[in-house]
């Protein structure tokens, strides 16, 4: 049965419009008979453009594809709680410029800590000066 175009007339055999329509159909049918995750055949009830046999396989494929691009860091290295010598010590409590009533701790290298209230800032400065974690 010849395909009809938008106007309702059939495209002539071998015309560019017919070749374009056939290419589009082939594009949708490529590798659509098997799940991209497990390789099993897709169920008969699957959409014609479905790529996975279940939502779980779609999610698993997504997780594996982003895992290849992003390195997963489980344990931080460098300056931190385990290596206090590498951290610049806190020297002062400074008020936050954007939020009144909130404060930050200033380090010797000029960097500022996360925002906190005055009580927590005093406690953190005292703990840092005493060498507590």
C-alpha atoms as a PDB file:
ATOM      1  CA  UNK A   1       0.000   0.000   0.000  1.00  0.00           C
ATOM      2  CA  UNK A   2       1.555   3.346  -0.994  1.00  0.00           C
ATOM      3  CA  UNK A   3       2.119   5.898   1.733  1.00  0.00           C
ATOM      4  CA  UNK A   4       0.326   9.219   1.523  1.00  0.00           C
ATOM      5  CA  UNK A   5       1.872  12.560   2.309  1.00  0.00           C
ATOM      6  CA  UNK A   6       0.353  15.478   4.216  1.00  0.00           C
ATOM      7  CA  UNK A   7      -1.792  16.545   1.295  1.00  0.00           C
ATOM      8  CA  UNK A   8      -3.198  13.030   0.943  1.00  0.00           C
ATOM      9  CA  UNK A   9      -1.556  12.082  -2.324  1.00  0.00           C
ATOM     10  CA  UNK A  10       0.842   9.161  -2.613  1.00  0.00           C
ATOM     11  CA  UNK A  11       4.515   9.898  -3.142  1.00  0.00           C
ATOM     12  CA  UNK A  12       5.876   8.585  -6.407  1.00  0.00           C
ATOM     13  CA  UNK A  13       8.059   5.465  -6.036  1.00  0.00           C
ATOM     14  CA  UNK A  14      11.737   6.333  -5.671  1.00  0.00           C
ATOM     15  CA  UNK A  15      11.021   9.981  -4.880  1.00  0.00           C
ATOM     16  CA  UNK A  16      12.884  11.825  -2.151  1.00  0.00           C
ATOM     17  CA  UNK A  17       9.751  11.989   0.008  1.00  0.00           C
ATOM     18  CA  UNK A  18       9.302   8.219  -0.093  1.00  0.00           C
ATOM     19  CA  UNK A  19      12.969   7.587   0.677  1.00  0.00           C
ATOM     20  CA  UNK A  20      12.769  10.033   3.594  1.00  0.00           C
ATOM     21  CA  UNK A  21       9.712   8.269   5.024  1.00  0.00           C
ATOM     22  CA  UNK A  22      11.361   4.865   4.689  1.00  0.00           C
ATOM     23  CA  UNK A  23      14.548   6.107   6.368  1.00  0.00           C
ATOM     24  CA  UNK A  24      12.501   7.449   9.280  1.00  0.00           C
ATOM     25  CA  UNK A  25      10.765   4.097   9.699  1.00  0.00           C
ATOM     26  CA  UNK A  26      14.104   2.263   9.618  1.00  0.00           C
ATOM     27  CA  UNK A  27      15.518   4.640  12.224  1.00  0.00           C
ATOM     28  CA  UNK A  28      12.710   3.795  14.651  1.00  0.00           C
ATOM     29  CA  UNK A  29      13.037   0.067  14.077  1.00  0.00           C
ATOM     30  CA  UNK A  30      16.798  -0.228  14.643  1.00  0.00           C
ATOM     31  CA  UNK A  31      17.578  -2.422  17.678  1.00  0.00           C
ATOM     32  CA  UNK A  32      14.047  -2.043  19.011  1.00  0.00           C
ATOM     33  CA  UNK A  33      13.424  -5.754  19.310  1.00  0.00           C
ATOM     34  CA  UNK A  34      15.690  -6.342  22.320  1.00  0.00           C
ATOM     35  CA  UNK A  35      16.192  -4.605  25.679  1.00  0.00           C
ATOM     36  CA  UNK A  36      19.281  -2.350  25.707  1.00  0.00           C
ATOM     37  CA  UNK A  37      20.073  -3.444  29.282  1.00  0.00           C
ATOM     38  CA  UNK A  38      19.551  -7.221  29.393  1.00  0.00           C
ATOM     39  CA  UNK A  39      19.325  -8.150  25.705  1.00  0.00           C
ATOM     40  CA  UNK A  40      16.078 -10.106  26.092  1.00  0.00           C
ATOM     41  CA  UNK A  41      13.311  -9.647  23.507  1.00  0.00           C
ATOM     42  CA  UNK A  42      10.869  -6.860  24.266  1.00  0.00           C
ATOM     43  CA  UNK A  43       7.314  -7.894  25.114  1.00  0.00           C
ATOM     44  CA  UNK A  44       4.724  -7.733  22.348  1.00  0.00           C
ATOM     45  CA  UNK A  45       2.898  -4.991  24.258  1.00  0.00           C
ATOM     46  CA  UNK A  46       5.932  -2.649  24.198  1.00  0.00           C
ATOM     47  CA  UNK A  47       5.719   0.626  22.300  1.00  0.00           C
ATOM     48  CA  UNK A  48       7.378   0.525  18.894  1.00  0.00           C
ATOM     49  CA  UNK A  49      10.099   2.938  20.057  1.00  0.00           C
ATOM     50  CA  UNK A  50      10.682   1.257  23.445  1.00  0.00           C
ATOM     51  CA  UNK A  51      14.302   0.536  24.323  1.00  0.00           C
ATOM     52  CA  UNK A  52      13.914  -1.325  27.626  1.00  0.00           C
ATOM     53  CA  UNK A  53      11.745  -4.196  28.819  1.00  0.00           C
ATOM     54  CA  UNK A  54      11.015  -2.607  32.222  1.00  0.00           C
ATOM     55  CA  UNK A  55      11.382   0.670  34.132  1.00  0.00           C
ATOM     56  CA  UNK A  56      13.991  -1.009  36.353  1.00  0.00           C
ATOM     57  CA  UNK A  57      16.167  -1.756  33.320  1.00  0.00           C
ATOM     58  CA  UNK A  58      15.747   1.811  32.061  1.00  0.00           C
ATOM     59  CA  UNK A  59      16.953   3.140  35.435  1.00  0.00           C
ATOM     60  CA  UNK A  60      19.824   0.643  35.602  1.00  0.00           C
ATOM     61  CA  UNK A  61      20.981   1.631  32.119  1.00  0.00           C
ATOM     62  CA  UNK A  62      20.861   5.311  33.079  1.00  0.00           C
ATOM     63  CA  UNK A  63      22.865   4.692  36.265  1.00  0.00           C
ATOM     64  CA  UNK A  64      25.514   2.723  34.396  1.00  0.00           C
ATOM     65  CA  UNK A  65      25.788   5.341  31.650  1.00  0.00           C
ATOM     66  CA  UNK A  66      26.347   8.237  34.059  1.00  0.00           C
ATOM     67  CA  UNK A  67      28.734   6.150  36.182  1.00  0.00           C
ATOM     68  CA  UNK A  68      31.069   5.945  33.195  1.00  0.00           C
ATOM     69  CA  UNK A  69      31.163   9.731  32.846  1.00  0.00           C
ATOM     70  CA  UNK A  70      31.363  10.802  36.490  1.00  0.00           C
ATOM     71  CA  UNK A  71      33.984   9.435  38.860  1.00  0.00           C
ATOM     72  CA  UNK A  72      32.489   8.312  42.146  1.00  0.00           C
ATOM     73  CA  UNK A  73      34.357   9.656  45.151  1.00  0.00           C
ATOM     74  CA  UNK A  74      33.601   7.770  48.331  1.00  0.00           C
ATOM     75  CA  UNK A  75      36.252   9.156  50.648  1.00  0.00           C
ATOM     76  CA  UNK A  76      37.586  12.673  50.464  1.00  0.00           C
ATOM     77  CA  UNK A  77      41.332  13.133  50.606  1.00  0.00           C
ATOM     78  CA  UNK A  78      43.470  16.114  51.464  1.00  0.00           C
ATOM     79  CA  UNK A  79      42.556  18.795  53.988  1.00  0.00           C
ATOM     80  CA  UNK A  80      39.836  17.807  56.360  1.00  0.00           C
ATOM     81  CA  UNK A  81      38.985  16.412  59.736  1.00  0.00           C
ATOM     82  CA  UNK A  82      41.543  13.575  59.413  1.00  0.00           C
ATOM     83  CA  UNK A  83      44.341  15.935  58.405  1.00  0.00           C
ATOM     84  CA  UNK A  84      44.001  19.109  60.513  1.00  0.00           C
ATOM     85  CA  UNK A  85      47.575  20.186  59.757  1.00  0.00           C
ATOM     86  CA  UNK A  86      46.605  20.732  56.129  1.00  0.00           C
ATOM     87  CA  UNK A  87      43.703  23.002  57.075  1.00  0.00           C
ATOM     88  CA  UNK A  88      44.197  26.706  57.531  1.00  0.00           C
ATOM     89  CA  UNK A  89      43.216  27.516  61.134  1.00  0.00           C
ATOM     90  CA  UNK A  90      40.267  29.736  61.950  1.00  0.00           C
ATOM     91  CA  UNK A  91      41.208  33.134  63.316  1.00  0.00           C
ATOM     92  CA  UNK A  92      38.013  35.185  63.687  1.00  0.00           C
ATOM     93  CA  UNK A  93      34.241  35.302  63.570  1.00  0.00           C
ATOM     94  CA  UNK A  94      32.899  37.670  60.906  1.00  0.00           C
ATOM     95  CA  UNK A  95      29.273  38.655  60.227  1.00  0.00           C
ATOM     96  CA  UNK A  96      27.780  37.459  56.963  1.00  0.00           C
ATOM     97  CA  UNK A  97      27.266  40.258  54.443  1.00  0.00           C
ATOM     98  CA  UNK A  98      23.971  38.968  53.021  1.00  0.00           C
ATOM     99  CA  UNK A  99      22.153  37.604  56.068  1.00  0.00           C
ATOM    100  CA  UNK A 100      21.958  39.615  59.292  1.00  0.00           C
ATOM    101  CA  UNK A 101      22.371  37.549  62.442  1.00  0.00           C
ATOM    102  CA  UNK A 102      24.460  34.922  60.646  1.00  0.00           C
ATOM    103  CA  UNK A 103      28.229  34.532  60.895  1.00  0.00           C
ATOM    104  CA  UNK A 104      31.173  32.812  59.246  1.00  0.00           C
ATOM    105  CA  UNK A 105      34.591  31.783  60.499  1.00  0.00           C
ATOM    106  CA  UNK A 106      37.553  33.398  58.764  1.00  0.00           C
ATOM    107  CA  UNK A 107      40.659  31.316  58.035  1.00  0.00           C
ATOM    108  CA  UNK A 108      44.236  32.604  58.002  1.00  0.00           C
ATOM    109  CA  UNK A 109      44.289  32.369  54.190  1.00  0.00           C
ATOM    110  CA  UNK A 110      41.192  34.607  53.946  1.00  0.00           C
ATOM    111  CA  UNK A 111      38.615  31.934  53.025  1.00  0.00           C
ATOM    112  CA  UNK A 112      35.319  31.855  54.911  1.00  0.00           C
ATOM    113  CA  UNK A 113      33.487  28.879  56.393  1.00  0.00           C
ATOM    114  CA  UNK A 114      29.862  27.958  55.905  1.00  0.00           C
ATOM    115  CA  UNK A 115      27.239  30.231  57.444  1.00  0.00           C
ATOM    116  CA  UNK A 116      26.125  29.608  61.055  1.00  0.00           C
ATOM    117  CA  UNK A 117      24.610  31.364  64.038  1.00  0.00           C
ATOM    118  CA  UNK A 118      26.787  33.117  66.636  1.00  0.00           C
ATOM    119  CA  UNK A 119      26.597  30.320  69.224  1.00  0.00           C
ATOM    120  CA  UNK A 120      27.784  27.691  66.754  1.00  0.00           C
ATOM    121  CA  UNK A 121      30.476  30.033  65.417  1.00  0.00           C
ATOM    122  CA  UNK A 122      31.877  30.605  68.911  1.00  0.00           C
ATOM    123  CA  UNK A 123      31.823  26.877  69.640  1.00  0.00           C
ATOM    124  CA  UNK A 124      33.528  26.024  66.332  1.00  0.00           C
ATOM    125  CA  UNK A 125      36.235  28.673  66.837  1.00  0.00           C
ATOM    126  CA  UNK A 126      36.895  27.425  70.370  1.00  0.00           C
ATOM    127  CA  UNK A 127      37.064  23.808  69.181  1.00  0.00           C
ATOM    128  CA  UNK A 128      39.452  24.705  66.350  1.00  0.00           C
ATOM    129  CA  UNK A 129      41.744  26.617  68.683  1.00  0.00           C
ATOM    130  CA  UNK A 130      41.788  23.723  71.171  1.00  0.00           C
ATOM    131  CA  UNK A 131      42.516  21.244  68.390  1.00  0.00           C
ATOM    132  CA  UNK A 132      39.275  19.238  68.770  1.00  0.00           C
ATOM    133  CA  UNK A 133      37.686  17.729  65.668  1.00  0.00           C
END
